[in-house]
Amino acid sequence: MVTSEKMALTNNARFMHCLPVRRNVVVADAVLDDPRCLIFEQAKNREFAAQAVLEELIRVDKS
């Protein structure tokens, strides 16, 4: 499990995960709630990518 203690051993690392994540099983709450955690930015980027794929599929279907 990724914990605050393990993150403290890094050189100011940021935590990334593609979601969903099991809190306190895969990663500790303290790591997920830390300002250096990038999971929500990653999820937002994935949303835009999925929208682009869907748009392309709809466009191909109409052709």
PDB file of N, CA and C in Angstrom:
ATOM      1  N   MET A   1       0.841  -1.175   0.000  1.00  0.00           N
ATOM      2  CA  MET A   1       0.000   0.000   0.000  1.00  0.00           C
ATOM      3  C   MET A   1       0.893   1.249   0.000  1.00  0.00           C
ATOM      4  N   VAL A   2       0.491   2.244  -0.769  1.00  0.00           N
ATOM      5  CA  VAL A   2       1.229   3.506  -0.792  1.00  0.00           C
ATOM      6  C   VAL A   2       0.784   4.328   0.417  1.00  0.00           C
ATOM      7  N   THR A   3       1.737   4.706   1.222  1.00  0.00           N
ATOM      8  CA  THR A   3       1.444   5.460   2.445  1.00  0.00           C
ATOM      9  C   THR A   3       2.190   6.789   2.434  1.00  0.00           C
ATOM     10  N   SER A   4       1.843   7.639   3.354  1.00  0.00           N
ATOM     11  CA  SER A   4       2.545   8.922   3.502  1.00  0.00           C
ATOM     12  C   SER A   4       4.016   8.702   3.823  1.00  0.00           C
ATOM     13  N   GLU A   5       4.284   7.665   4.600  1.00  0.00           N
ATOM     14  CA  GLU A   5       5.663   7.364   4.965  1.00  0.00           C
ATOM     15  C   GLU A   5       6.485   7.002   3.720  1.00  0.00           C
ATOM     16  N   LYS A   6       5.908   6.212   2.837  1.00  0.00           N
ATOM     17  CA  LYS A   6       6.611   5.846   1.606  1.00  0.00           C
ATOM     18  C   LYS A   6       6.773   7.066   0.696  1.00  0.00           C
ATOM     19  N   MET A   7       5.762   7.907   0.624  1.00  0.00           N
ATOM     20  CA  MET A   7       5.859   9.114  -0.200  1.00  0.00           C
ATOM     21  C   MET A   7       6.928  10.050   0.347  1.00  0.00           C
ATOM     22  N   ALA A   8       7.124  10.060   1.660  1.00  0.00           N
ATOM     23  CA  ALA A   8       8.136  10.909   2.285  1.00  0.00           C
ATOM     24  C   ALA A   8       9.554  10.481   1.904  1.00  0.00           C
ATOM     25  N   LEU A   9       9.718   9.241   1.483  1.00  0.00           N
ATOM     26  CA  LEU A   9      11.034   8.740   1.079  1.00  0.00           C
ATOM     27  C   LEU A   9      11.426   9.175  -0.334  1.00  0.00           C
ATOM     28  N   THR A  10      10.486   9.769  -1.062  1.00  0.00           N
ATOM     29  CA  THR A  10      10.747  10.174  -2.446  1.00  0.00           C
ATOM     30  C   THR A  10      11.306  11.586  -2.503  1.00  0.00           C
ATOM     31  N   ASN A  11      11.667  11.987  -3.686  1.00  0.00           N
ATOM     32  CA  ASN A  11      12.174  13.338  -3.906  1.00  0.00           C
ATOM     33  C   ASN A  11      11.007  14.229  -4.339  1.00  0.00           C
ATOM     34  N   ASN A  12      10.080  14.484  -3.389  1.00  0.00           N
ATOM     35  CA  ASN A  12       8.917  15.337  -3.620  1.00  0.00           C
ATOM     36  C   ASN A  12       8.031  14.785  -4.753  1.00  0.00           C
ATOM     37  N   ALA A  13       7.807  13.472  -4.751  1.00  0.00           N
ATOM     38  CA  ALA A  13       7.006  12.827  -5.788  1.00  0.00           C
ATOM     39  C   ALA A  13       5.539  13.223  -5.691  1.00  0.00           C
ATOM     40  N   ARG A  14       4.859  13.067  -6.807  1.00  0.00           N
ATOM     41  CA  ARG A  14       3.418  13.274  -6.874  1.00  0.00           C
ATOM     42  C   ARG A  14       2.771  11.920  -7.118  1.00  0.00           C
ATOM     43  N   PHE A  15       1.602  11.712  -6.524  1.00  0.00           N
ATOM     44  CA  PHE A  15       0.928  10.429  -6.668  1.00  0.00           C
ATOM     45  C   PHE A  15      -0.060  10.483  -7.827  1.00  0.00           C
ATOM     46  N   MET A  16       0.026   9.479  -8.709  1.00  0.00           N
ATOM     47  CA  MET A  16      -0.879   9.372  -9.854  1.00  0.00           C
ATOM     48  C   MET A  16      -1.521   7.985  -9.842  1.00  0.00           C
ATOM     49  N   HIS A  17      -2.779   7.929 -10.241  1.00  0.00           N
ATOM     50  CA  HIS A  17      -3.494   6.653 -10.343  1.00  0.00           C
ATOM     51  C   HIS A  17      -4.619   6.850 -11.335  1.00  0.00           C
ATOM     52  N   CYS A  18      -4.939   5.817 -12.080  1.00  0.00           N
ATOM     53  CA  CYS A  18      -5.937   5.958 -13.143  1.00  0.00           C
ATOM     54  C   CYS A  18      -7.380   5.843 -12.662  1.00  0.00           C
ATOM     55  N   LEU A  19      -7.610   5.534 -11.415  1.00  0.00           N
ATOM     56  CA  LEU A  19      -8.935   5.394 -10.816  1.00  0.00           C
ATOM     57  C   LEU A  19      -9.724   4.280 -11.499  1.00  0.00           C
ATOM     58  N   PRO A  20     -10.603   3.622 -10.859  1.00  0.00           N
ATOM     59  CA  PRO A  20     -10.909   3.753  -9.431  1.00  0.00           C
ATOM     60  C   PRO A  20      -9.794   3.153  -8.573  1.00  0.00           C
ATOM     61  N   VAL A  21      -9.745   3.600  -7.347  1.00  0.00           N
ATOM     62  CA  VAL A  21      -8.733   3.122  -6.410  1.00  0.00           C
ATOM     63  C   VAL A  21      -9.431   2.727  -5.107  1.00  0.00           C
ATOM     64  N   ARG A  22      -8.938   1.687  -4.490  1.00  0.00           N
ATOM     65  CA  ARG A  22      -9.507   1.259  -3.205  1.00  0.00           C
ATOM     66  C   ARG A  22      -8.758   1.962  -2.081  1.00  0.00           C
ATOM     67  N   ARG A  23      -9.443   2.905  -1.451  1.00  0.00           N
ATOM     68  CA  ARG A  23      -8.849   3.672  -0.354  1.00  0.00           C
ATOM     69  C   ARG A  23      -8.461   2.753   0.791  1.00  0.00           C
ATOM     70  N   ASN A  24      -7.302   3.011   1.325  1.00  0.00           N
ATOM     71  CA  ASN A  24      -6.752   2.266   2.463  1.00  0.00           C
ATOM     72  C   ASN A  24      -6.527   0.787   2.169  1.00  0.00           C
ATOM     73  N   VAL A  25      -6.547   0.401   0.891  1.00  0.00           N
ATOM     74  CA  VAL A  25      -6.160  -0.940   0.470  1.00  0.00           C
ATOM     75  C   VAL A  25      -4.982  -0.814  -0.485  1.00  0.00           C
ATOM     76  N   VAL A  26      -5.153   0.029  -1.508  1.00  0.00           N
ATOM     77  CA  VAL A  26      -4.091   0.268  -2.487  1.00  0.00           C
ATOM     78  C   VAL A  26      -3.274   1.491  -2.078  1.00  0.00           C
ATOM     79  N   VAL A  27      -3.968   2.503  -1.602  1.00  0.00           N
ATOM     80  CA  VAL A  27      -3.309   3.754  -1.220  1.00  0.00           C
ATOM     81  C   VAL A  27      -4.030   4.359  -0.018  1.00  0.00           C
ATOM     82  N   ALA A  28      -3.269   4.941   0.870  1.00  0.00           N
ATOM     83  CA  ALA A  28      -3.825   5.519   2.088  1.00  0.00           C
ATOM     84  C   ALA A  28      -4.595   6.803   1.796  1.00  0.00           C
ATOM     85  N   ASP A  29      -5.609   7.056   2.603  1.00  0.00           N
ATOM     86  CA  ASP A  29      -6.397   8.281   2.474  1.00  0.00           C
ATOM     87  C   ASP A  29      -5.511   9.524   2.486  1.00  0.00           C
ATOM     88  N   ALA A  30      -4.518   9.525   3.351  1.00  0.00           N
ATOM     89  CA  ALA A  30      -3.644  10.698   3.480  1.00  0.00           C
ATOM     90  C   ALA A  30      -2.924  11.010   2.170  1.00  0.00           C
ATOM     91  N   VAL A  31      -2.576   9.993   1.415  1.00  0.00           N
ATOM     92  CA  VAL A  31      -1.901  10.204   0.126  1.00  0.00           C
ATOM     93  C   VAL A  31      -2.901  10.730  -0.898  1.00  0.00           C
ATOM     94  N   LEU A  32      -4.096  10.135  -0.935  1.00  0.00           N
ATOM     95  CA  LEU A  32      -5.115  10.573  -1.899  1.00  0.00           C
ATOM     96  C   LEU A  32      -5.589  11.996  -1.640  1.00  0.00           C
ATOM     97  N   ASP A  33      -5.628  12.384  -0.386  1.00  0.00           N
ATOM     98  CA  ASP A  33      -6.121  13.713  -0.024  1.00  0.00           C
ATOM     99  C   ASP A  33      -5.024  14.773   0.013  1.00  0.00           C
ATOM    100  N   ASP A  34      -3.790  14.376  -0.253  1.00  0.00           N
ATOM    101  CA  ASP A  34      -2.659  15.299  -0.255  1.00  0.00           C
ATOM    102  C   ASP A  34      -2.713  16.210  -1.486  1.00  0.00           C
ATOM    103  N   PRO A  35      -2.310  17.466  -1.359  1.00  0.00           N
ATOM    104  CA  PRO A  35      -2.308  18.371  -2.522  1.00  0.00           C
ATOM    105  C   PRO A  35      -1.405  17.906  -3.665  1.00  0.00           C
ATOM    106  N   ARG A  36      -0.450  17.029  -3.372  1.00  0.00           N
ATOM    107  CA  ARG A  36       0.443  16.521  -4.424  1.00  0.00           C
ATOM    108  C   ARG A  36      -0.156  15.354  -5.201  1.00  0.00           C
ATOM    109  N   CYS A  37      -1.371  14.958  -4.866  1.00  0.00           N
ATOM    110  CA  CYS A  37      -2.044  13.859  -5.554  1.00  0.00           C
ATOM    111  C   CYS A  37      -2.686  14.385  -6.841  1.00  0.00           C
ATOM    112  N   LEU A  38      -2.459  13.683  -7.940  1.00  0.00           N
ATOM    113  CA  LEU A  38      -2.939  14.122  -9.257  1.00  0.00           C
ATOM    114  C   LEU A  38      -4.060  13.252  -9.813  1.00  0.00           C
ATOM    115  N   ILE A  39      -4.723  12.470  -8.980  1.00  0.00           N
ATOM    116  CA  ILE A  39      -5.692  11.522  -9.522  1.00  0.00           C
ATOM    117  C   ILE A  39      -6.882  12.203 -10.185  1.00  0.00           C
ATOM    118  N   PHE A  40      -7.341  13.312  -9.664  1.00  0.00           N
ATOM    119  CA  PHE A  40      -8.518  13.948 -10.253  1.00  0.00           C
ATOM    120  C   PHE A  40      -8.189  14.616 -11.576  1.00  0.00           C
ATOM    121  N   GLU A  41      -6.987  15.158 -11.712  1.00  0.00           N
ATOM    122  CA  GLU A  41      -6.556  15.714 -12.992  1.00  0.00           C
ATOM    123  C   GLU A  41      -6.460  14.613 -14.034  1.00  0.00           C
ATOM    124  N   GLN A  42      -5.965  13.444 -13.634  1.00  0.00           N
ATOM    125  CA  GLN A  42      -5.868  12.316 -14.545  1.00  0.00           C
ATOM    126  C   GLN A  42      -7.251  11.848 -14.981  1.00  0.00           C
ATOM    127  N   ALA A  43      -8.177  11.773 -14.050  1.00  0.00           N
ATOM    128  CA  ALA A  43      -9.534  11.338 -14.377  1.00  0.00           C
ATOM    129  C   ALA A  43     -10.191  12.313 -15.347  1.00  0.00           C
ATOM    130  N   LYS A  44      -9.957  13.595 -15.154  1.00  0.00           N
ATOM    131  CA  LYS A  44     -10.529  14.600 -16.054  1.00  0.00           C
ATOM    132  C   LYS A  44      -9.953  14.439 -17.461  1.00  0.00           C
ATOM    133  N   ASN A  45      -8.663  14.223 -17.572  1.00  0.00           N
ATOM    134  CA  ASN A  45      -8.044  14.006 -18.880  1.00  0.00           C
ATOM    135  C   ASN A  45      -8.614  12.766 -19.558  1.00  0.00           C
ATOM    136  N   ARG A  46      -8.844  11.717 -18.793  1.00  0.00           N
ATOM    137  CA  ARG A  46      -9.400  10.485 -19.360  1.00  0.00           C
ATOM    138  C   ARG A  46     -10.821  10.726 -19.868  1.00  0.00           C
ATOM    139  N   GLU A  47     -11.578  11.569 -19.180  1.00  0.00           N
ATOM    140  CA  GLU A  47     -12.937  11.893 -19.615  1.00  0.00           C
ATOM    141  C   GLU A  47     -12.904  12.543 -20.999  1.00  0.00           C
ATOM    142  N   PHE A  48     -12.012  13.489 -21.208  1.00  0.00           N
ATOM    143  CA  PHE A  48     -11.917  14.159 -22.508  1.00  0.00           C
ATOM    144  C   PHE A  48     -11.503  13.186 -23.605  1.00  0.00           C
ATOM    145  N   ALA A  49     -10.610  12.281 -23.294  1.00  0.00           N
ATOM    146  CA  ALA A  49     -10.184  11.282 -24.277  1.00  0.00           C
ATOM    147  C   ALA A  49     -11.357  10.375 -24.652  1.00  0.00           C
ATOM    148  N   ALA A  50     -12.140   9.954 -23.682  1.00  0.00           N
ATOM    149  CA  ALA A  50     -13.299   9.100 -23.952  1.00  0.00           C
ATOM    150  C   ALA A  50     -14.332   9.842 -24.796  1.00  0.00           C
ATOM    151  N   GLN A  51     -14.529  11.120 -24.524  1.00  0.00           N
ATOM    152  CA  GLN A  51     -15.468  11.916 -25.317  1.00  0.00           C
ATOM    153  C   GLN A  51     -15.012  12.019 -26.767  1.00  0.00           C
ATOM    154  N   ALA A  52     -13.728  12.176 -26.979  1.00  0.00           N
ATOM    155  CA  ALA A  52     -13.198  12.276 -28.340  1.00  0.00           C
ATOM    156  C   ALA A  52     -13.402  10.961 -29.095  1.00  0.00           C
ATOM    157  N   VAL A  53     -13.207   9.840 -28.419  1.00  0.00           N
ATOM    158  CA  VAL A  53     -13.420   8.539 -29.050  1.00  0.00           C
ATOM    159  C   VAL A  53     -14.890   8.369 -29.415  1.00  0.00           C
ATOM    160  N   LEU A  54     -15.780   8.708 -28.496  1.00  0.00           N
ATOM    161  CA  LEU A  54     -17.218   8.596 -28.779  1.00  0.00           C
ATOM    162  C   LEU A  54     -17.630   9.490 -29.939  1.00  0.00           C
ATOM    163  N   GLU A  55     -17.109  10.699 -29.968  1.00  0.00           N
ATOM    164  CA  GLU A  55     -17.431  11.614 -31.060  1.00  0.00           C
ATOM    165  C   GLU A  55     -16.980  11.031 -32.403  1.00  0.00           C
ATOM    166  N   GLU A  56     -15.802  10.444 -32.433  1.00  0.00           N
ATOM    167  CA  GLU A  56     -15.298   9.844 -33.669  1.00  0.00           C
ATOM    168  C   GLU A  56     -16.166   8.658 -34.085  1.00  0.00           C
ATOM    169  N   LEU A  57     -16.590   7.845 -33.139  1.00  0.00           N
ATOM    170  CA  LEU A  57     -17.453   6.712 -33.455  1.00  0.00           C
ATOM    171  C   LEU A  57     -18.793   7.169 -34.023  1.00  0.00           C
ATOM    172  N   ILE A  58     -19.353   8.208 -33.460  1.00  0.00           N
ATOM    173  CA  ILE A  58     -20.620   8.754 -33.967  1.00  0.00           C
ATOM    174  C   ILE A  58     -20.430   9.311 -35.375  1.00  0.00           C
ATOM    175  N   ARG A  59     -19.337   9.997 -35.594  1.00  0.00           N
ATOM    176  CA  ARG A  59     -19.055  10.574 -36.909  1.00  0.00           C
ATOM    177  C   ARG A  59     -18.906   9.480 -37.969  1.00  0.00           C
ATOM    178  N   VAL A  60     -18.227   8.400 -37.640  1.00  0.00           N
ATOM    179  CA  VAL A  60     -18.018   7.297 -38.579  1.00  0.00           C
ATOM    180  C   VAL A  60     -19.346   6.625 -38.890  1.00  0.00           C
ATOM    181  N   ASP A  61     -20.210   6.480 -37.888  1.00  0.00           N
ATOM    182  CA  ASP A  61     -21.496   5.826 -38.059  1.00  0.00           C
ATOM    183  C   ASP A  61     -22.407   6.582 -39.026  1.00  0.00           C
ATOM    184  N   LYS A  62     -22.309   7.911 -39.052  1.00  0.00           N
ATOM    185  CA  LYS A  62     -23.158   8.733 -39.920  1.00  0.00           C
ATOM    186  C   LYS A  62     -22.684   8.731 -41.363  1.00  0.00           C
ATOM    187  N   SER A  63     -21.455   8.339 -41.616  1.00  0.00           N
ATOM    188  CA  SER A  63     -20.889   8.384 -42.971  1.00  0.00           C
ATOM    189  C   SER A  63     -21.475   7.350 -43.888  1.00  0.00           C
TER     190      SER A  63
END
